[in-house]
Amino acid sequence: MEDRVNLGKASPVMYKSVVQLDCIATQFIEEAGINEGFSHLLKLRASQINQCAFCIRLHSKDAADSGEPIERISLVSAWRESLYFDNKEKAALDLLESITLISKGQVPESVYRAATKVLTKPQIAAVEWLSIVINAWNRLAISSRYPVLPANPDLNLQFT
């Protein structure tokens, strides 16, 4: 397979701009009252939808490092059926999913209305910005085929 263009190396200024946007968004998300662990779960969920292996690995680890229990990390893809997420978190996850899947029907009015009942305006804006930024990162990683290498080479098991 042909090597892909590394977008960070091809245009460091553009890449640094995305990093800067991420930093500003992270600060805004924290100021809106969304804790770090849950913000990683939101990023993990978008990355699962987009099938970005690089970001799935990254945000699973970051969520764990932020104190999120393994049950919430492993159940974020089935949040609707889980009792591990409260109404605010479910509204945020629903909004994030709608933004991530925006080509499949925009952000439905019902999703947005439900979010306004339990989230503040700054929290809604924070979820929207988080969604926009993680979707940008997913597209960067997927289109460039960022490598997903095991942290522990012993985990690189192969079928025999």
N, C-alpha and C. Protein backbone atom coordinates (compact mmCIF):
# COMPACT_ATOMS: atom_id res chain seq x y z
N MET A 1 0.84 -1.17 0.00
CA MET A 1 0.00 0.00 0.00
C MET A 1 0.89 1.24 0.00
N GLU A 2 0.48 2.19 -0.75
CA GLU A 2 1.19 3.45 -0.87
C GLU A 2 1.07 4.27 0.42
N ASP A 3 2.18 4.91 0.83
CA ASP A 3 2.12 5.78 2.00
C ASP A 3 1.21 6.96 1.73
N ARG A 4 0.49 7.37 2.74
CA ARG A 4 -0.39 8.52 2.64
C ARG A 4 0.38 9.78 2.98
N VAL A 5 -0.13 10.90 2.52
CA VAL A 5 0.46 12.18 2.87
C VAL A 5 0.22 12.41 4.35
N ASN A 6 1.26 12.76 5.07
CA ASN A 6 1.13 13.14 6.47
C ASN A 6 0.76 14.62 6.48
N LEU A 7 -0.49 14.92 6.81
CA LEU A 7 -0.99 16.28 6.73
C LEU A 7 -0.25 17.23 7.66
N GLY A 8 0.19 16.74 8.80
CA GLY A 8 0.96 17.57 9.73
C GLY A 8 2.28 18.01 9.15
N LYS A 9 2.93 17.10 8.43
CA LYS A 9 4.21 17.44 7.80
C LYS A 9 4.02 18.22 6.51
N ALA A 10 2.95 17.93 5.79
CA ALA A 10 2.71 18.60 4.52
C ALA A 10 2.34 20.07 4.72
N SER A 11 1.65 20.36 5.82
CA SER A 11 1.25 21.74 6.11
C SER A 11 1.26 21.96 7.62
N PRO A 12 2.45 22.18 8.18
CA PRO A 12 2.55 22.36 9.62
C PRO A 12 1.71 23.52 10.15
N VAL A 13 1.56 24.57 9.37
CA VAL A 13 0.77 25.72 9.82
C VAL A 13 -0.69 25.31 9.99
N MET A 14 -1.23 24.58 9.03
CA MET A 14 -2.62 24.12 9.12
C MET A 14 -2.78 23.18 10.32
N TYR A 15 -1.85 22.26 10.48
CA TYR A 15 -1.91 21.30 11.58
C TYR A 15 -1.87 22.03 12.93
N LYS A 16 -0.95 22.97 13.05
CA LYS A 16 -0.84 23.74 14.30
C LYS A 16 -2.12 24.54 14.57
N SER A 17 -2.79 24.97 13.52
CA SER A 17 -4.06 25.68 13.69
C SER A 17 -5.13 24.77 14.27
N VAL A 18 -5.15 23.51 13.85
CA VAL A 18 -6.11 22.55 14.41
C VAL A 18 -5.76 22.26 15.87
N VAL A 19 -4.47 22.13 16.15
CA VAL A 19 -4.03 21.93 17.54
C VAL A 19 -4.46 23.12 18.40
N GLN A 20 -4.28 24.31 17.89
CA GLN A 20 -4.66 25.53 18.62
C GLN A 20 -6.18 25.57 18.84
N LEU A 21 -6.95 25.23 17.81
CA LEU A 21 -8.40 25.17 17.94
C LEU A 21 -8.79 24.16 19.02
N ASP A 22 -8.13 23.02 19.04
CA ASP A 22 -8.39 21.98 20.03
C ASP A 22 -8.12 22.52 21.43
N CYS A 23 -7.02 23.22 21.61
CA CYS A 23 -6.67 23.78 22.92
C CYS A 23 -7.72 24.80 23.39
N ILE A 24 -8.14 25.66 22.49
CA ILE A 24 -9.15 26.67 22.83
C ILE A 24 -10.48 25.98 23.16
N ALA A 25 -10.85 25.00 22.36
CA ALA A 25 -12.10 24.27 22.59
C ALA A 25 -12.06 23.53 23.92
N THR A 26 -10.93 22.92 24.24
CA THR A 26 -10.78 22.19 25.51
C THR A 26 -10.99 23.13 26.69
N GLN A 27 -10.42 24.31 26.63
CA GLN A 27 -10.60 25.29 27.70
C GLN A 27 -12.07 25.70 27.80
N PHE A 28 -12.71 25.95 26.66
CA PHE A 28 -14.12 26.34 26.63
C PHE A 28 -14.99 25.23 27.22
N ILE A 29 -14.68 23.98 26.88
CA ILE A 29 -15.44 22.82 27.36
C ILE A 29 -15.33 22.72 28.88
N GLU A 30 -14.13 22.90 29.41
CA GLU A 30 -13.93 22.87 30.87
C GLU A 30 -14.69 24.01 31.54
N GLU A 31 -14.62 25.21 30.97
CA GLU A 31 -15.31 26.37 31.55
C GLU A 31 -16.83 26.20 31.52
N ALA A 32 -17.34 25.42 30.57
CA ALA A 32 -18.77 25.16 30.48
C ALA A 32 -19.24 24.13 31.51
N GLY A 33 -18.30 23.51 32.20
CA GLY A 33 -18.66 22.56 33.25
C GLY A 33 -18.72 21.11 32.81
N ILE A 34 -18.12 20.80 31.67
CA ILE A 34 -18.06 19.40 31.23
C ILE A 34 -16.72 18.86 31.68
N ASN A 35 -16.76 17.84 32.55
CA ASN A 35 -15.50 17.36 33.11
C ASN A 35 -14.65 16.63 32.07
N GLU A 36 -13.37 16.59 32.37
CA GLU A 36 -12.39 16.05 31.42
C GLU A 36 -12.68 14.61 31.03
N GLY A 37 -13.01 13.78 32.02
CA GLY A 37 -13.29 12.37 31.71
C GLY A 37 -14.44 12.21 30.74
N PHE A 38 -15.54 12.92 30.99
CA PHE A 38 -16.69 12.81 30.10
C PHE A 38 -16.39 13.39 28.74
N SER A 39 -15.58 14.45 28.67
CA SER A 39 -15.23 15.00 27.36
C SER A 39 -14.47 13.96 26.53
N HIS A 40 -13.65 13.13 27.19
CA HIS A 40 -12.97 12.06 26.46
C HIS A 40 -13.96 10.98 26.01
N LEU A 41 -14.99 10.74 26.81
CA LEU A 41 -16.02 9.79 26.38
C LEU A 41 -16.77 10.31 25.16
N LEU A 42 -17.04 11.61 25.14
CA LEU A 42 -17.67 12.19 23.95
C LEU A 42 -16.77 12.03 22.73
N LYS A 43 -15.49 12.32 22.89
CA LYS A 43 -14.55 12.17 21.78
C LYS A 43 -14.44 10.71 21.36
N LEU A 44 -14.46 9.82 22.32
CA LEU A 44 -14.43 8.39 22.03
C LEU A 44 -15.65 7.98 21.22
N ARG A 45 -16.83 8.48 21.60
CA ARG A 45 -18.04 8.09 20.88
C ARG A 45 -18.03 8.56 19.43
N ALA A 46 -17.61 9.80 19.19
CA ALA A 46 -17.50 10.28 17.81
C ALA A 46 -16.49 9.44 17.03
N SER A 47 -15.39 9.11 17.67
CA SER A 47 -14.35 8.31 17.01
C SER A 47 -14.84 6.90 16.70
N GLN A 48 -15.68 6.34 17.56
CA GLN A 48 -16.28 5.03 17.27
C GLN A 48 -17.18 5.11 16.05
N ILE A 49 -18.01 6.14 15.99
CA ILE A 49 -18.91 6.31 14.85
C ILE A 49 -18.11 6.46 13.56
N ASN A 50 -17.04 7.23 13.62
CA ASN A 50 -16.20 7.47 12.44
C ASN A 50 -15.21 6.34 12.17
N GLN A 51 -15.14 5.38 13.08
CA GLN A 51 -14.23 4.25 12.98
C GLN A 51 -12.77 4.69 12.87
N CYS A 52 -12.41 5.63 13.72
CA CYS A 52 -11.04 6.13 13.75
C CYS A 52 -10.27 5.38 14.84
N ALA A 53 -9.56 4.33 14.45
CA ALA A 53 -8.87 3.48 15.42
C ALA A 53 -7.85 4.27 16.25
N PHE A 54 -7.13 5.19 15.61
CA PHE A 54 -6.13 5.99 16.32
C PHE A 54 -6.79 6.76 17.47
N CYS A 55 -7.90 7.43 17.18
CA CYS A 55 -8.58 8.26 18.19
C CYS A 55 -9.34 7.41 19.21
N ILE A 56 -9.85 6.26 18.80
CA ILE A 56 -10.52 5.36 19.75
C ILE A 56 -9.52 4.93 20.81
N ARG A 57 -8.35 4.51 20.39
CA ARG A 57 -7.32 4.09 21.35
C ARG A 57 -6.93 5.25 22.24
N LEU A 58 -6.69 6.42 21.64
CA LEU A 58 -6.24 7.60 22.38
C LEU A 58 -7.26 8.02 23.43
N HIS A 59 -8.53 8.15 23.05
CA HIS A 59 -9.52 8.68 23.99
C HIS A 59 -10.01 7.63 24.99
N SER A 60 -9.89 6.36 24.67
CA SER A 60 -10.16 5.32 25.68
C SER A 60 -9.14 5.43 26.80
N LYS A 61 -7.87 5.56 26.42
CA LYS A 61 -6.81 5.70 27.41
C LYS A 61 -6.94 7.00 28.18
N ASP A 62 -7.22 8.10 27.46
CA ASP A 62 -7.36 9.39 28.12
C ASP A 62 -8.54 9.39 29.10
N ALA A 63 -9.63 8.75 28.73
CA ALA A 63 -10.79 8.66 29.63
C ALA A 63 -10.42 7.89 30.89
N ALA A 64 -9.71 6.78 30.73
CA ALA A 64 -9.28 5.99 31.88
C ALA A 64 -8.32 6.80 32.75
N ASP A 65 -7.38 7.48 32.12
CA ASP A 65 -6.42 8.30 32.86
C ASP A 65 -7.10 9.45 33.60
N SER A 66 -8.27 9.87 33.11
CA SER A 66 -9.03 10.95 33.74
C SER A 66 -9.97 10.44 34.83
N GLY A 67 -9.93 9.14 35.08
CA GLY A 67 -10.73 8.58 36.16
C GLY A 67 -12.05 7.96 35.76
N GLU A 68 -12.32 7.89 34.45
CA GLU A 68 -13.57 7.26 34.01
C GLU A 68 -13.47 5.75 34.25
N PRO A 69 -14.50 5.16 34.85
CA PRO A 69 -14.49 3.71 35.07
C PRO A 69 -14.58 2.93 33.76
N ILE A 70 -14.01 1.76 33.76
CA ILE A 70 -13.98 0.92 32.56
C ILE A 70 -15.40 0.63 32.07
N GLU A 71 -16.37 0.56 32.98
CA GLU A 71 -17.75 0.28 32.57
C GLU A 71 -18.28 1.39 31.66
N ARG A 72 -18.02 2.64 32.01
CA ARG A 72 -18.50 3.75 31.19
C ARG A 72 -17.75 3.81 29.86
N ILE A 73 -16.46 3.53 29.90
CA ILE A 73 -15.66 3.54 28.67
C ILE A 73 -16.17 2.45 27.73
N SER A 74 -16.39 1.26 28.26
CA SER A 74 -16.81 0.15 27.40
C SER A 74 -18.27 0.25 26.96
N LEU A 75 -19.09 1.00 27.70
CA LEU A 75 -20.51 1.09 27.35
C LEU A 75 -20.89 2.36 26.62
N VAL A 76 -19.94 3.23 26.34
CA VAL A 76 -20.30 4.49 25.69
C VAL A 76 -20.94 4.26 24.32
N SER A 77 -20.59 3.19 23.64
CA SER A 77 -21.20 2.92 22.33
C SER A 77 -22.65 2.44 22.48
N ALA A 78 -23.03 2.02 23.67
CA ALA A 78 -24.39 1.56 23.94
C ALA A 78 -25.03 2.42 25.03
N TRP A 79 -24.73 3.70 25.02
CA TRP A 79 -25.18 4.60 26.08
C TRP A 79 -26.69 4.63 26.23
N ARG A 80 -27.43 4.45 25.16
CA ARG A 80 -28.90 4.51 25.24
C ARG A 80 -29.46 3.36 26.10
N GLU A 81 -28.79 2.23 26.08
CA GLU A 81 -29.25 1.05 26.82
C GLU A 81 -28.61 0.94 28.19
N SER A 82 -27.77 1.90 28.55
CA SER A 82 -26.98 1.81 29.77
C SER A 82 -27.54 2.70 30.87
N LEU A 83 -27.38 2.26 32.09
CA LEU A 83 -27.74 3.07 33.25
C LEU A 83 -26.53 3.82 33.80
N TYR A 84 -25.41 3.78 33.09
CA TYR A 84 -24.18 4.43 33.54
C TYR A 84 -24.11 5.91 33.18
N PHE A 85 -25.09 6.42 32.44
CA PHE A 85 -25.07 7.82 31.99
C PHE A 85 -26.34 8.51 32.45
N ASP A 86 -26.17 9.73 32.99
CA ASP A 86 -27.35 10.47 33.44
C ASP A 86 -28.00 11.22 32.28
N ASN A 87 -29.09 11.92 32.55
CA ASN A 87 -29.85 12.60 31.49
C ASN A 87 -29.03 13.67 30.78
N LYS A 88 -28.19 14.40 31.51
CA LYS A 88 -27.35 15.43 30.88
C LYS A 88 -26.35 14.77 29.93
N GLU A 89 -25.73 13.70 30.40
CA GLU A 89 -24.74 13.01 29.56
C GLU A 89 -25.40 12.40 28.33
N LYS A 90 -26.58 11.84 28.50
CA LYS A 90 -27.30 11.25 27.36
C LYS A 90 -27.67 12.33 26.35
N ALA A 91 -28.08 13.50 26.82
CA ALA A 91 -28.40 14.59 25.90
C ALA A 91 -27.14 15.04 25.15
N ALA A 92 -26.02 15.10 25.85
CA ALA A 92 -24.76 15.49 25.21
C ALA A 92 -24.33 14.45 24.18
N LEU A 93 -24.44 13.19 24.52
CA LEU A 93 -24.08 12.11 23.59
C LEU A 93 -24.98 12.12 22.36
N ASP A 94 -26.27 12.35 22.57
CA ASP A 94 -27.21 12.39 21.45
C ASP A 94 -26.88 13.56 20.52
N LEU A 95 -26.59 14.72 21.10
CA LEU A 95 -26.23 15.89 20.30
C LEU A 95 -24.93 15.63 19.53
N LEU A 96 -23.94 15.08 20.21
CA LEU A 96 -22.66 14.76 19.56
C LEU A 96 -22.88 13.79 18.40
N GLU A 97 -23.68 12.76 18.60
CA GLU A 97 -23.93 11.79 17.53
C GLU A 97 -24.62 12.46 16.34
N SER A 98 -25.57 13.34 16.61
CA SER A 98 -26.26 14.03 15.51
C SER A 98 -25.32 14.91 14.72
N ILE A 99 -24.41 15.57 15.41
CA ILE A 99 -23.43 16.42 14.71
C ILE A 99 -22.45 15.56 13.92
N THR A 100 -22.02 14.46 14.51
CA THR A 100 -21.09 13.56 13.83
C THR A 100 -21.73 12.96 12.58
N LEU A 101 -23.01 12.66 12.66
CA LEU A 101 -23.75 12.07 11.54
C LEU A 101 -24.60 13.12 10.82
N ILE A 102 -24.11 14.33 10.74
CA ILE A 102 -24.89 15.47 10.24
C ILE A 102 -25.43 15.26 8.83
N SER A 103 -24.75 14.47 8.02
CA SER A 103 -25.21 14.23 6.65
C SER A 103 -26.44 13.33 6.60
N LYS A 104 -26.79 12.71 7.72
CA LYS A 104 -27.95 11.81 7.76
C LYS A 104 -29.18 12.48 8.36
N GLY A 105 -29.34 13.77 8.14
CA GLY A 105 -30.56 14.40 8.62
C GLY A 105 -30.32 15.61 9.50
N GLN A 106 -29.16 16.23 9.35
CA GLN A 106 -28.86 17.44 10.13
C GLN A 106 -28.88 17.12 11.62
N VAL A 107 -29.11 18.12 12.45
CA VAL A 107 -29.31 17.90 13.88
C VAL A 107 -30.81 18.03 14.10
N PRO A 108 -31.49 16.90 14.35
CA PRO A 108 -32.94 16.95 14.51
C PRO A 108 -33.37 17.92 15.61
N GLU A 109 -34.46 18.60 15.36
CA GLU A 109 -34.99 19.56 16.33
C GLU A 109 -35.26 18.88 17.68
N SER A 110 -35.71 17.63 17.63
CA SER A 110 -36.02 16.90 18.87
C SER A 110 -34.76 16.68 19.71
N VAL A 111 -33.64 16.42 19.07
CA VAL A 111 -32.37 16.22 19.79
C VAL A 111 -31.93 17.53 20.42
N TYR A 112 -32.00 18.60 19.64
CA TYR A 112 -31.58 19.91 20.16
C TYR A 112 -32.50 20.36 21.29
N ARG A 113 -33.79 20.19 21.12
CA ARG A 113 -34.76 20.59 22.14
C ARG A 113 -34.52 19.80 23.44
N ALA A 114 -34.26 18.51 23.32
CA ALA A 114 -33.99 17.69 24.50
C ALA A 114 -32.72 18.18 25.22
N ALA A 115 -31.72 18.57 24.46
CA ALA A 115 -30.49 19.09 25.06
C ALA A 115 -30.75 20.38 25.83
N THR A 116 -31.60 21.25 25.28
CA THR A 116 -31.87 22.53 25.94
C THR A 116 -32.61 22.36 27.26
N LYS A 117 -33.23 21.22 27.47
CA LYS A 117 -33.97 20.98 28.71
C LYS A 117 -33.05 20.61 29.87
N VAL A 118 -31.86 20.09 29.57
CA VAL A 118 -30.98 19.63 30.65
C VAL A 118 -29.58 20.25 30.63
N LEU A 119 -29.21 20.86 29.52
CA LEU A 119 -27.88 21.46 29.41
C LEU A 119 -28.01 22.98 29.32
N THR A 120 -27.01 23.67 29.83
CA THR A 120 -26.98 25.13 29.69
C THR A 120 -26.55 25.48 28.27
N LYS A 121 -26.77 26.73 27.89
CA LYS A 121 -26.33 27.17 26.56
C LYS A 121 -24.81 26.99 26.39
N PRO A 122 -24.00 27.37 27.40
CA PRO A 122 -22.56 27.13 27.25
C PRO A 122 -22.22 25.63 27.11
N GLN A 123 -22.96 24.75 27.80
CA GLN A 123 -22.71 23.32 27.66
C GLN A 123 -23.09 22.82 26.27
N ILE A 124 -24.18 23.31 25.73
CA ILE A 124 -24.57 22.93 24.37
C ILE A 124 -23.50 23.40 23.38
N ALA A 125 -23.07 24.65 23.53
CA ALA A 125 -22.02 25.17 22.65
C ALA A 125 -20.74 24.36 22.80
N ALA A 126 -20.41 23.97 24.03
CA ALA A 126 -19.19 23.17 24.27
C ALA A 126 -19.28 21.81 23.57
N VAL A 127 -20.44 21.16 23.66
CA VAL A 127 -20.62 19.86 22.99
C VAL A 127 -20.52 20.05 21.48
N GLU A 128 -21.10 21.12 20.98
CA GLU A 128 -21.02 21.37 19.53
C GLU A 128 -19.58 21.59 19.10
N TRP A 129 -18.84 22.43 19.84
CA TRP A 129 -17.43 22.66 19.47
C TRP A 129 -16.60 21.39 19.62
N LEU A 130 -16.82 20.64 20.70
CA LEU A 130 -16.10 19.38 20.87
C LEU A 130 -16.37 18.46 19.69
N SER A 131 -17.63 18.39 19.26
CA SER A 131 -18.00 17.54 18.12
C SER A 131 -17.28 17.96 16.84
N ILE A 132 -17.26 19.26 16.61
CA ILE A 132 -16.60 19.78 15.40
C ILE A 132 -15.11 19.46 15.41
N VAL A 133 -14.47 19.68 16.56
CA VAL A 133 -13.02 19.46 16.64
C VAL A 133 -12.66 17.99 16.54
N ILE A 134 -13.37 17.10 17.27
CA ILE A 134 -13.01 15.68 17.20
C ILE A 134 -13.30 15.11 15.82
N ASN A 135 -14.33 15.60 15.16
CA ASN A 135 -14.59 15.13 13.80
C ASN A 135 -13.48 15.58 12.85
N ALA A 136 -12.92 16.78 13.08
CA ALA A 136 -11.76 17.22 12.28
C ALA A 136 -10.57 16.29 12.53
N TRP A 137 -10.30 16.00 13.80
CA TRP A 137 -9.18 15.09 14.12
C TRP A 137 -9.40 13.70 13.51
N ASN A 138 -10.63 13.19 13.60
CA ASN A 138 -10.92 11.88 13.02
C ASN A 138 -10.62 11.87 11.53
N ARG A 139 -11.01 12.93 10.85
CA ARG A 139 -10.77 13.00 9.41
C ARG A 139 -9.28 13.12 9.09
N LEU A 140 -8.56 13.84 9.91
CA LEU A 140 -7.11 13.92 9.74
C LEU A 140 -6.47 12.54 9.90
N ALA A 141 -6.81 11.86 10.97
CA ALA A 141 -6.19 10.56 11.26
C ALA A 141 -6.60 9.49 10.25
N ILE A 142 -7.87 9.47 9.89
CA ILE A 142 -8.35 8.44 8.96
C ILE A 142 -7.80 8.66 7.56
N SER A 143 -7.87 9.88 7.06
CA SER A 143 -7.40 10.12 5.69
C SER A 143 -5.89 9.95 5.56
N SER A 144 -5.16 10.23 6.63
CA SER A 144 -3.70 10.06 6.60
C SER A 144 -3.28 8.66 7.04
N ARG A 145 -4.24 7.87 7.50
CA ARG A 145 -3.99 6.52 8.03
C ARG A 145 -2.92 6.53 9.12
N TYR A 146 -3.19 7.34 10.16
CA TYR A 146 -2.28 7.37 11.30
C TYR A 146 -2.13 5.94 11.82
N PRO A 147 -0.90 5.51 12.10
CA PRO A 147 -0.70 4.14 12.55
C PRO A 147 -1.21 3.92 13.98
N VAL A 148 -1.79 2.76 14.19
CA VAL A 148 -2.26 2.39 15.52
C VAL A 148 -1.42 1.20 15.95
N LEU A 149 -0.37 1.51 16.66
CA LEU A 149 0.57 0.49 17.09
C LEU A 149 0.31 0.16 18.55
N PRO A 150 0.42 -1.11 18.92
CA PRO A 150 0.21 -1.46 20.33
C PRO A 150 1.28 -0.83 21.21
N ALA A 151 0.86 -0.31 22.36
CA ALA A 151 1.80 0.26 23.32
C ALA A 151 2.71 -0.84 23.86
N ASN A 152 2.17 -2.04 23.96
CA ASN A 152 2.92 -3.19 24.43
C ASN A 152 3.05 -4.17 23.27
N PRO A 153 4.26 -4.32 22.70
CA PRO A 153 4.42 -5.22 21.53
C PRO A 153 3.93 -6.65 21.78
N ASP A 154 3.90 -7.10 23.05
CA ASP A 154 3.43 -8.44 23.36
C ASP A 154 1.94 -8.57 23.06
N LEU A 155 1.23 -7.44 22.97
CA LEU A 155 -0.20 -7.48 22.67
C LEU A 155 -0.47 -7.64 21.19
N ASN A 156 0.57 -7.54 20.36
CA ASN A 156 0.42 -7.66 18.92
C ASN A 156 0.31 -9.15 18.56
N LEU A 157 -0.78 -9.75 18.99
CA LEU A 157 -1.00 -11.18 18.78
C LEU A 157 -1.46 -11.45 17.36
N GLN A 158 -1.09 -12.61 16.85
CA GLN A 158 -1.51 -12.97 15.51
C GLN A 158 -2.19 -14.34 15.57
N PHE A 159 -3.11 -14.56 14.63
CA PHE A 159 -3.74 -15.86 14.58
C PHE A 159 -2.72 -16.87 14.10
N THR A 160 -2.81 -18.05 14.63
CA THR A 160 -1.87 -19.11 14.23
C THR A 160 -2.57 -20.15 13.40
